[in-house]
């Protein structure tokens, strides 16, 4: 996909042209007119739980993410269930998915656009209105589960771009 190269470049910038990022992303997760406030890389795991599904069979169900947020080689925060993102400056946001696009391969979790639904603290994330999860690698869990309640994780990485309107 051609947009992957452009997005990788755009996401690697801590600040930059939101128009470049918006023009490079699939429409479902683009945020035209919004400005990047922070871009970080995440390394972590997507945690799944073995649960009964509608037909009574067991299947892996997404439970929560657990990830370290990194910028310029330094840990700058964490990402966890909610979904929540916390920055070391004390600011934090919770989001709700409002758009998605497939990852580059079937092993990669989807790219997401999330609307910020709550904020805590003062700092770089306090003005964020949108979060994009892009450049995903891994995170999909394959294989059968045979015991309800079992937990299993799938390593993943992604870039998270925090944006604000205006």
C-alpha atoms as a PDB file:
ATOM      1  CA  UNK A   1       0.000   0.000   0.000  1.00  0.00           C
ATOM      2  CA  UNK A   2       1.433   3.358  -1.011  1.00  0.00           C
ATOM      3  CA  UNK A   3       0.074   5.303   1.942  1.00  0.00           C
ATOM      4  CA  UNK A   4       2.124   3.230   4.439  1.00  0.00           C
ATOM      5  CA  UNK A   5       5.397   4.930   3.492  1.00  0.00           C
ATOM      6  CA  UNK A   6       3.882   8.400   3.758  1.00  0.00           C
ATOM      7  CA  UNK A   7       2.231   7.593   7.072  1.00  0.00           C
ATOM      8  CA  UNK A   8       5.453   6.206   8.530  1.00  0.00           C
ATOM      9  CA  UNK A   9       7.222   9.456   7.698  1.00  0.00           C
ATOM     10  CA  UNK A  10       4.371  11.591   9.029  1.00  0.00           C
ATOM     11  CA  UNK A  11       4.007   9.579  12.230  1.00  0.00           C
ATOM     12  CA  UNK A  12       7.719   9.724  12.992  1.00  0.00           C
ATOM     13  CA  UNK A  13       7.534  13.491  13.319  1.00  0.00           C
ATOM     14  CA  UNK A  14       6.781  14.757  16.813  1.00  0.00           C
ATOM     15  CA  UNK A  15       5.236  17.840  15.315  1.00  0.00           C
ATOM     16  CA  UNK A  16       4.403  18.512  11.749  1.00  0.00           C
ATOM     17  CA  UNK A  17       1.803  19.064   9.149  1.00  0.00           C
ATOM     18  CA  UNK A  18      -1.510  17.498  10.066  1.00  0.00           C
ATOM     19  CA  UNK A  19      -2.445  17.912   6.408  1.00  0.00           C
ATOM     20  CA  UNK A  20       0.373  15.558   5.384  1.00  0.00           C
ATOM     21  CA  UNK A  21      -0.819  12.938   7.879  1.00  0.00           C
ATOM     22  CA  UNK A  22      -4.477  13.411   6.909  1.00  0.00           C
ATOM     23  CA  UNK A  23      -3.737  13.149   3.184  1.00  0.00           C
ATOM     24  CA  UNK A  24      -1.761   9.933   3.729  1.00  0.00           C
ATOM     25  CA  UNK A  25      -4.298   7.992   5.776  1.00  0.00           C
ATOM     26  CA  UNK A  26      -7.345   5.975   4.747  1.00  0.00           C
ATOM     27  CA  UNK A  27     -10.504   8.115   4.876  1.00  0.00           C
ATOM     28  CA  UNK A  28     -11.956   6.093   7.782  1.00  0.00           C
ATOM     29  CA  UNK A  29      -9.209   7.258  10.146  1.00  0.00           C
ATOM     30  CA  UNK A  30      -8.132  10.582   8.631  1.00  0.00           C
ATOM     31  CA  UNK A  31      -8.542  13.735  10.740  1.00  0.00           C
ATOM     32  CA  UNK A  32      -8.505  16.632   8.263  1.00  0.00           C
ATOM     33  CA  UNK A  33      -8.075  20.056   9.811  1.00  0.00           C
ATOM     34  CA  UNK A  34      -6.637  18.686  13.054  1.00  0.00           C
ATOM     35  CA  UNK A  35      -3.131  19.464  14.332  1.00  0.00           C
ATOM     36  CA  UNK A  36      -0.657  16.929  15.736  1.00  0.00           C
ATOM     37  CA  UNK A  37       0.139  17.563  19.407  1.00  0.00           C
ATOM     38  CA  UNK A  38       2.184  14.403  20.020  1.00  0.00           C
ATOM     39  CA  UNK A  39       3.277  11.332  18.086  1.00  0.00           C
ATOM     40  CA  UNK A  40       4.662   8.302  19.942  1.00  0.00           C
ATOM     41  CA  UNK A  41       5.659   4.735  19.205  1.00  0.00           C
ATOM     42  CA  UNK A  42       4.144   1.928  21.286  1.00  0.00           C
ATOM     43  CA  UNK A  43       5.630  -1.470  22.093  1.00  0.00           C
ATOM     44  CA  UNK A  44       3.495  -3.920  23.999  1.00  0.00           C
ATOM     45  CA  UNK A  45       0.871  -6.630  23.788  1.00  0.00           C
ATOM     46  CA  UNK A  46      -2.778  -7.089  22.949  1.00  0.00           C
ATOM     47  CA  UNK A  47      -4.287  -9.327  25.641  1.00  0.00           C
ATOM     48  CA  UNK A  48      -7.043 -11.798  24.740  1.00  0.00           C
ATOM     49  CA  UNK A  49      -9.317 -14.004  26.847  1.00  0.00           C
ATOM     50  CA  UNK A  50     -10.796 -17.370  25.857  1.00  0.00           C
ATOM     51  CA  UNK A  51     -14.596 -16.963  25.996  1.00  0.00           C
ATOM     52  CA  UNK A  52     -17.739 -18.647  24.717  1.00  0.00           C
ATOM     53  CA  UNK A  53     -19.142 -16.899  21.642  1.00  0.00           C
ATOM     54  CA  UNK A  54     -22.716 -16.814  20.275  1.00  0.00           C
ATOM     55  CA  UNK A  55     -22.695 -20.428  19.040  1.00  0.00           C
ATOM     56  CA  UNK A  56     -21.302 -21.678  22.380  1.00  0.00           C
ATOM     57  CA  UNK A  57     -17.855 -22.433  20.970  1.00  0.00           C
ATOM     58  CA  UNK A  58     -14.746 -20.963  22.587  1.00  0.00           C
ATOM     59  CA  UNK A  59     -12.873 -18.161  20.817  1.00  0.00           C
ATOM     60  CA  UNK A  60     -10.265 -15.556  21.676  1.00  0.00           C
ATOM     61  CA  UNK A  61     -11.864 -12.236  22.611  1.00  0.00           C
ATOM     62  CA  UNK A  62      -9.890  -8.982  22.877  1.00  0.00           C
ATOM     63  CA  UNK A  63      -9.514  -7.938  26.522  1.00  0.00           C
ATOM     64  CA  UNK A  64      -7.048  -5.024  26.740  1.00  0.00           C
ATOM     65  CA  UNK A  65      -3.837  -3.449  25.464  1.00  0.00           C
ATOM     66  CA  UNK A  66      -0.696  -3.065  27.538  1.00  0.00           C
ATOM     67  CA  UNK A  67       2.038  -0.899  26.008  1.00  0.00           C
ATOM     68  CA  UNK A  68       4.910   1.449  26.684  1.00  0.00           C
ATOM     69  CA  UNK A  69       4.836   4.765  24.805  1.00  0.00           C
ATOM     70  CA  UNK A  70       8.204   5.896  23.435  1.00  0.00           C
ATOM     71  CA  UNK A  71       9.421   9.163  21.883  1.00  0.00           C
ATOM     72  CA  UNK A  72      12.998   9.950  20.905  1.00  0.00           C
ATOM     73  CA  UNK A  73      14.167   6.704  22.531  1.00  0.00           C
ATOM     74  CA  UNK A  74      12.673   7.552  25.937  1.00  0.00           C
ATOM     75  CA  UNK A  75       9.638   6.144  27.713  1.00  0.00           C
ATOM     76  CA  UNK A  76       7.044   8.916  27.790  1.00  0.00           C
ATOM     77  CA  UNK A  77       3.956   7.081  28.949  1.00  0.00           C
ATOM     78  CA  UNK A  78       1.772   4.011  28.935  1.00  0.00           C
ATOM     79  CA  UNK A  79      -1.308   2.659  27.175  1.00  0.00           C
ATOM     80  CA  UNK A  80      -3.810   0.344  28.849  1.00  0.00           C
ATOM     81  CA  UNK A  81      -7.465  -0.741  29.073  1.00  0.00           C
ATOM     82  CA  UNK A  82     -10.113   1.866  28.505  1.00  0.00           C
ATOM     83  CA  UNK A  83      -8.427   2.557  26.126  1.00  0.00           C
ATOM     84  CA  UNK A  84      -6.289   5.032  28.084  1.00  0.00           C
ATOM     85  CA  UNK A  85      -3.043   6.794  27.303  1.00  0.00           C
ATOM     86  CA  UNK A  86      -1.009   8.480  30.051  1.00  0.00           C
ATOM     87  CA  UNK A  87       1.937  10.805  29.521  1.00  0.00           C
ATOM     88  CA  UNK A  88       4.748  11.242  32.071  1.00  0.00           C
ATOM     89  CA  UNK A  89       3.717  14.906  32.437  1.00  0.00           C
ATOM     90  CA  UNK A  90       0.502  13.777  34.189  1.00  0.00           C
ATOM     91  CA  UNK A  91      -1.894  14.300  31.291  1.00  0.00           C
ATOM     92  CA  UNK A  92      -4.063  11.413  30.141  1.00  0.00           C
ATOM     93  CA  UNK A  93      -6.932  10.684  27.748  1.00  0.00           C
ATOM     94  CA  UNK A  94      -9.522   7.972  27.246  1.00  0.00           C
ATOM     95  CA  UNK A  95     -10.818   7.248  23.762  1.00  0.00           C
ATOM     96  CA  UNK A  96     -13.665   5.565  21.901  1.00  0.00           C
ATOM     97  CA  UNK A  97     -13.147   4.039  18.446  1.00  0.00           C
ATOM     98  CA  UNK A  98     -15.018   5.856  15.681  1.00  0.00           C
ATOM     99  CA  UNK A  99     -13.210   4.530  12.594  1.00  0.00           C
ATOM    100  CA  UNK A 100     -10.897   1.733  11.466  1.00  0.00           C
ATOM    101  CA  UNK A 101      -8.885   0.484   8.533  1.00  0.00           C
ATOM    102  CA  UNK A 102      -7.166  -2.879   8.085  1.00  0.00           C
ATOM    103  CA  UNK A 103      -3.548  -3.375   9.102  1.00  0.00           C
ATOM    104  CA  UNK A 104      -0.964  -4.118   6.401  1.00  0.00           C
ATOM    105  CA  UNK A 105      -1.226  -7.903   6.913  1.00  0.00           C
ATOM    106  CA  UNK A 106      -3.693 -10.306   8.538  1.00  0.00           C
ATOM    107  CA  UNK A 107      -1.330 -10.532  11.539  1.00  0.00           C
ATOM    108  CA  UNK A 108      -1.580  -6.779  12.190  1.00  0.00           C
ATOM    109  CA  UNK A 109      -4.317  -5.200  14.288  1.00  0.00           C
ATOM    110  CA  UNK A 110      -6.458  -2.565  12.609  1.00  0.00           C
ATOM    111  CA  UNK A 111      -5.565   1.082  12.341  1.00  0.00           C
ATOM    112  CA  UNK A 112      -7.989   3.151  14.416  1.00  0.00           C
ATOM    113  CA  UNK A 113      -9.398   6.626  14.793  1.00  0.00           C
ATOM    114  CA  UNK A 114     -10.551   7.311  18.352  1.00  0.00           C
ATOM    115  CA  UNK A 115     -12.510  10.227  19.722  1.00  0.00           C
ATOM    116  CA  UNK A 116     -11.214  11.493  23.078  1.00  0.00           C
ATOM    117  CA  UNK A 117     -14.106  11.106  25.542  1.00  0.00           C
ATOM    118  CA  UNK A 118     -12.330  12.158  28.757  1.00  0.00           C
ATOM    119  CA  UNK A 119      -9.172  13.959  29.878  1.00  0.00           C
ATOM    120  CA  UNK A 120      -7.190  14.044  33.119  1.00  0.00           C
ATOM    121  CA  UNK A 121      -4.345  16.259  34.280  1.00  0.00           C
ATOM    122  CA  UNK A 122      -2.574  19.119  32.537  1.00  0.00           C
ATOM    123  CA  UNK A 123       0.060  18.591  29.905  1.00  0.00           C
ATOM    124  CA  UNK A 124       0.619  17.654  26.291  1.00  0.00           C
ATOM    125  CA  UNK A 125      -2.452  15.387  26.050  1.00  0.00           C
ATOM    126  CA  UNK A 126      -4.888  17.761  27.779  1.00  0.00           C
ATOM    127  CA  UNK A 127      -5.924  19.403  24.493  1.00  0.00           C
ATOM    128  CA  UNK A 128      -6.134  16.220  22.418  1.00  0.00           C
ATOM    129  CA  UNK A 129      -9.472  15.536  20.732  1.00  0.00           C
ATOM    130  CA  UNK A 130      -8.524  12.610  18.470  1.00  0.00           C
ATOM    131  CA  UNK A 131      -6.123   9.645  18.651  1.00  0.00           C
ATOM    132  CA  UNK A 132      -4.975   7.683  15.616  1.00  0.00           C
ATOM    133  CA  UNK A 133      -3.385   4.221  15.855  1.00  0.00           C
ATOM    134  CA  UNK A 134      -1.349   3.653  12.710  1.00  0.00           C
ATOM    135  CA  UNK A 135       1.585   1.602  11.412  1.00  0.00           C
ATOM    136  CA  UNK A 136       0.506  -1.450  13.382  1.00  0.00           C
ATOM    137  CA  UNK A 137       2.609  -4.591  13.452  1.00  0.00           C
ATOM    138  CA  UNK A 138       1.349  -7.788  15.061  1.00  0.00           C
ATOM    139  CA  UNK A 139      -1.259  -7.945  17.787  1.00  0.00           C
ATOM    140  CA  UNK A 140      -3.657 -10.423  16.173  1.00  0.00           C
ATOM    141  CA  UNK A 141      -4.023 -13.710  18.022  1.00  0.00           C
ATOM    142  CA  UNK A 142      -4.397 -16.875  15.959  1.00  0.00           C
ATOM    143  CA  UNK A 143      -5.269 -20.397  16.971  1.00  0.00           C
ATOM    144  CA  UNK A 144      -7.946 -22.099  18.979  1.00  0.00           C
ATOM    145  CA  UNK A 145      -8.582 -21.686  22.667  1.00  0.00           C
ATOM    146  CA  UNK A 146      -9.717 -24.711  24.637  1.00  0.00           C
ATOM    147  CA  UNK A 147     -10.351 -23.456  28.157  1.00  0.00           C
ATOM    148  CA  UNK A 148     -12.642 -20.558  29.114  1.00  0.00           C
ATOM    149  CA  UNK A 149     -10.873 -17.872  31.133  1.00  0.00           C
ATOM    150  CA  UNK A 150      -7.430 -18.500  29.649  1.00  0.00           C
ATOM    151  CA  UNK A 151      -5.463 -15.331  28.862  1.00  0.00           C
ATOM    152  CA  UNK A 152      -2.958 -15.023  26.039  1.00  0.00           C
ATOM    153  CA  UNK A 153      -1.128 -12.036  24.614  1.00  0.00           C
ATOM    154  CA  UNK A 154       0.081 -11.141  21.139  1.00  0.00           C
ATOM    155  CA  UNK A 155       3.042  -8.739  20.860  1.00  0.00           C
ATOM    156  CA  UNK A 156       2.376  -5.593  18.840  1.00  0.00           C
ATOM    157  CA  UNK A 157       3.775  -2.218  17.964  1.00  0.00           C
ATOM    158  CA  UNK A 158       2.030   0.853  16.628  1.00  0.00           C
ATOM    159  CA  UNK A 159       2.331   4.590  16.344  1.00  0.00           C
ATOM    160  CA  UNK A 160      -0.194   6.752  18.207  1.00  0.00           C
ATOM    161  CA  UNK A 161      -0.827  10.252  16.931  1.00  0.00           C
ATOM    162  CA  UNK A 162      -2.656  12.653  19.257  1.00  0.00           C
ATOM    163  CA  UNK A 163      -4.412  15.531  17.516  1.00  0.00           C
ATOM    164  CA  UNK A 164      -6.475  18.576  18.422  1.00  0.00           C
ATOM    165  CA  UNK A 165      -9.118  20.396  16.448  1.00  0.00           C
ATOM    166  CA  UNK A 166      -8.344  23.873  15.174  1.00  0.00           C
END
